[in-house]
Amino acid sequence: MHVALDVWYGPASARGAAIGFVLATDETPAFRIVENFPGEPSDYEPGEFKKRELPYLVKLVDLSRAHAQLTTILVDGYVFLDGGRLGLGGHLYEALDRTVPVIGVAKTRYREAAAIELLRGASKSPLLISAAGMAFADAASFVASLHGEHRIPTMLRLVDRASRDATRP
């Protein structure tokens, strides 16, 4: 089972979502988890996003594992930053003891972060794909094959929406 994860931050809390799917071409989730995390999130520090988001992602992985054995995790961000430093996805891969490949799907460039550019749909703005536990090229091929005609694949769009608004389907 593949799972896409995302976290939204409010002024005094955070909300995370996990969307599970079996095939890259699926347009409907196999499962959907939305978890509210009370308490004020830590401040955002450029290049140190792990401090803020990693604990929430690990919790979402644990909740997802109750539904299925995970084969791939997709996160909104990078696996590797400039100079080979670990990005959010890389830290998640390490926190999970390298047991599940993690694919980072970033929408904006971060300095000289290691990533493959991937154009989807009619967009002229690439997604930036990186990975741990699998080759970057395989990760980019997987993201290219995900359901959806537009730049952002369906499951990534759904998990973003679920993390922002728990009342939407």
Protein backbone atom coordinates (compact mmCIF):
# COMPACT_ATOMS: atom_id res chain seq x y z
CA MET A 1 0.00 0.00 0.00
CA HIS A 2 1.24 3.47 -0.87
CA VAL A 3 0.49 6.38 1.44
CA ALA A 4 0.64 10.14 0.89
CA LEU A 5 1.15 12.30 3.97
CA ASP A 6 0.68 16.01 4.61
CA VAL A 7 0.43 18.34 7.61
CA TRP A 8 -1.35 21.69 7.88
CA TYR A 9 -0.47 24.25 10.55
CA GLY A 10 -2.90 26.55 12.32
CA PRO A 11 -2.05 29.17 14.92
CA ALA A 12 -2.49 26.82 17.88
CA SER A 13 -2.57 23.33 16.42
CA ALA A 14 -1.67 21.12 13.48
CA ARG A 15 -3.71 18.64 11.48
CA GLY A 16 -2.22 15.75 9.56
CA ALA A 17 -3.65 13.52 6.87
CA ALA A 18 -2.75 10.20 5.31
CA ILE A 19 -4.27 8.89 2.10
CA GLY A 20 -3.63 5.23 1.28
CA PHE A 21 -3.88 3.78 -2.22
CA VAL A 22 -3.05 0.46 -3.84
CA LEU A 23 -2.18 1.33 -7.45
CA ALA A 24 -0.56 4.45 -8.86
CA THR A 25 -3.57 4.78 -11.17
CA ASP A 26 -6.11 4.74 -8.32
CA GLU A 27 -8.28 7.84 -8.15
CA THR A 28 -10.09 6.83 -4.97
CA PRO A 29 -8.26 6.28 -1.66
CA ALA A 30 -8.22 2.87 0.00
CA PHE A 31 -8.14 4.69 3.35
CA ARG A 32 -8.13 8.24 4.67
CA ILE A 33 -6.86 9.32 8.08
CA VAL A 34 -7.15 12.82 9.52
CA GLU A 35 -5.54 13.47 12.89
CA ASN A 36 -5.69 16.67 14.92
CA PHE A 37 -2.54 17.49 16.86
CA PRO A 38 -3.31 19.92 19.70
CA GLY A 39 -0.77 22.37 21.01
CA GLU A 40 1.15 25.09 19.28
CA PRO A 41 3.47 23.74 16.56
CA SER A 42 7.12 24.71 16.76
CA ASP A 43 8.27 27.61 14.59
CA TYR A 44 9.33 26.99 11.00
CA GLU A 45 13.09 27.15 10.42
CA PRO A 46 14.28 27.14 6.78
CA GLY A 47 16.17 23.92 6.05
CA GLU A 48 15.08 22.45 9.41
CA PHE A 49 11.50 21.53 8.61
CA LYS A 50 12.02 18.14 10.29
CA LYS A 51 11.90 19.78 13.71
CA ARG A 52 8.37 20.93 13.05
CA GLU A 53 6.84 18.20 10.90
CA LEU A 54 8.68 14.92 11.53
CA PRO A 55 6.85 13.94 14.76
CA TYR A 56 3.49 14.39 13.03
CA LEU A 57 4.57 12.35 10.00
CA VAL A 58 5.82 9.48 12.18
CA LYS A 59 2.45 9.43 13.99
CA LEU A 60 0.61 9.36 10.62
CA VAL A 61 2.79 6.45 9.48
CA ASP A 62 1.96 4.56 12.67
CA LEU A 63 -1.77 5.16 12.11
CA SER A 64 -1.45 4.10 8.45
CA ARG A 65 0.30 0.87 9.40
CA ALA A 66 -2.86 -0.11 11.28
CA HIS A 67 -4.62 -0.22 7.87
CA ALA A 68 -1.99 -1.93 5.72
CA GLN A 69 1.65 -2.80 5.20
CA LEU A 70 3.24 0.26 3.61
CA THR A 71 5.36 -0.10 0.48
CA THR A 72 5.94 3.58 -0.36
CA ILE A 73 5.48 6.90 1.44
CA LEU A 74 5.05 10.21 -0.39
CA VAL A 75 5.74 13.49 1.36
CA ASP A 76 5.39 17.11 0.33
CA GLY A 77 9.03 18.21 0.32
CA TYR A 78 12.54 16.99 -0.30
CA VAL A 79 14.34 13.84 0.74
CA PHE A 80 17.75 15.46 0.24
CA LEU A 81 18.71 19.13 0.44
CA ASP A 82 21.81 20.88 -0.86
CA GLY A 83 25.15 19.24 -0.14
CA GLY A 84 23.47 15.88 0.48
CA ARG A 85 21.90 17.00 3.76
CA LEU A 86 18.75 15.12 4.67
CA GLY A 87 15.47 16.88 3.97
CA LEU A 88 12.16 16.07 5.61
CA GLY A 89 11.70 12.86 3.63
CA GLY A 90 15.22 11.71 4.42
CA HIS A 91 14.68 12.25 8.12
CA LEU A 92 11.41 10.32 7.92
CA TYR A 93 13.19 7.45 6.13
CA GLU A 94 15.80 7.36 8.93
CA ALA A 95 13.15 7.64 11.68
CA LEU A 96 11.45 4.58 10.17
CA ASP A 97 14.76 2.68 10.28
CA ARG A 98 14.94 2.66 6.47
CA THR A 99 12.09 0.15 6.29
CA VAL A 100 9.85 1.94 3.76
CA PRO A 101 11.01 3.94 0.71
CA VAL A 102 10.14 7.63 0.91
CA ILE A 103 9.48 9.80 -2.14
CA GLY A 104 9.71 13.55 -1.80
CA VAL A 105 7.51 15.62 -4.12
CA ALA A 106 8.43 19.29 -3.83
CA LYS A 107 6.65 22.10 -5.63
CA THR A 108 9.30 24.79 -5.20
CA ARG A 109 13.05 24.68 -5.62
CA TYR A 110 15.20 24.76 -2.49
CA ARG A 111 18.69 26.07 -3.25
CA GLU A 112 20.67 23.23 -4.83
CA ALA A 113 18.55 20.37 -3.47
CA ALA A 114 19.06 17.04 -5.21
CA ALA A 115 15.96 16.23 -7.27
CA ILE A 116 14.70 15.19 -10.69
CA GLU A 117 12.43 17.68 -12.43
CA LEU A 118 9.13 16.17 -13.55
CA LEU A 119 6.58 17.93 -15.72
CA ARG A 120 3.01 16.64 -15.41
CA GLY A 121 -0.04 17.60 -17.40
CA ALA A 122 0.23 20.89 -19.26
CA SER A 123 2.18 22.55 -16.44
CA LYS A 124 5.39 24.37 -17.25
CA SER A 125 6.41 24.23 -13.56
CA PRO A 126 8.10 20.96 -12.64
CA LEU A 127 7.62 18.88 -9.56
CA LEU A 128 10.97 18.12 -7.92
CA ILE A 129 11.28 14.44 -7.09
CA SER A 130 13.77 12.87 -4.69
CA ALA A 131 13.80 9.57 -2.83
CA ALA A 132 15.39 7.38 -0.19
CA GLY A 133 15.20 3.61 -0.42
CA MET A 134 14.77 3.69 -4.19
CA ALA A 135 16.44 5.34 -7.19
CA PHE A 136 15.41 8.91 -7.99
CA ALA A 137 14.52 7.82 -11.55
CA ASP A 138 12.19 5.10 -10.23
CA ALA A 139 10.57 7.59 -7.87
CA ALA A 140 10.06 10.09 -10.70
CA SER A 141 8.57 7.35 -12.88
CA PHE A 142 6.18 6.39 -10.07
CA VAL A 143 5.05 10.00 -9.56
CA ALA A 144 4.63 10.42 -13.32
CA SER A 145 2.33 7.38 -13.34
CA LEU A 146 0.09 8.64 -10.51
CA HIS A 147 -3.53 9.33 -11.36
CA GLY A 148 -4.46 12.83 -12.47
CA GLU A 149 -4.17 15.02 -15.53
CA HIS A 150 -2.67 18.01 -13.77
CA ARG A 151 0.66 18.95 -12.21
CA ILE A 152 -0.35 17.67 -8.78
CA PRO A 153 -1.38 13.99 -8.76
CA THR A 154 -4.84 13.15 -7.42
CA MET A 155 -3.70 11.50 -4.19
CA LEU A 156 -1.36 14.39 -3.32
CA ARG A 157 -4.16 16.86 -3.99
CA LEU A 158 -6.54 14.82 -1.79
CA VAL A 159 -4.10 14.55 1.13
CA ASP A 160 -3.39 18.29 0.97
CA ARG A 161 -7.11 19.04 1.06
CA ALA A 162 -7.73 16.55 3.89
CA SER A 163 -5.00 18.10 6.05
CA ARG A 164 -6.41 21.58 5.51
CA ASP A 165 -10.09 20.82 5.99
CA ALA A 166 -11.11 17.69 7.86
CA THR A 167 -14.76 18.17 6.88
CA ARG A 168 -14.18 17.75 3.13
CA PRO A 169 -14.39 14.27 1.60
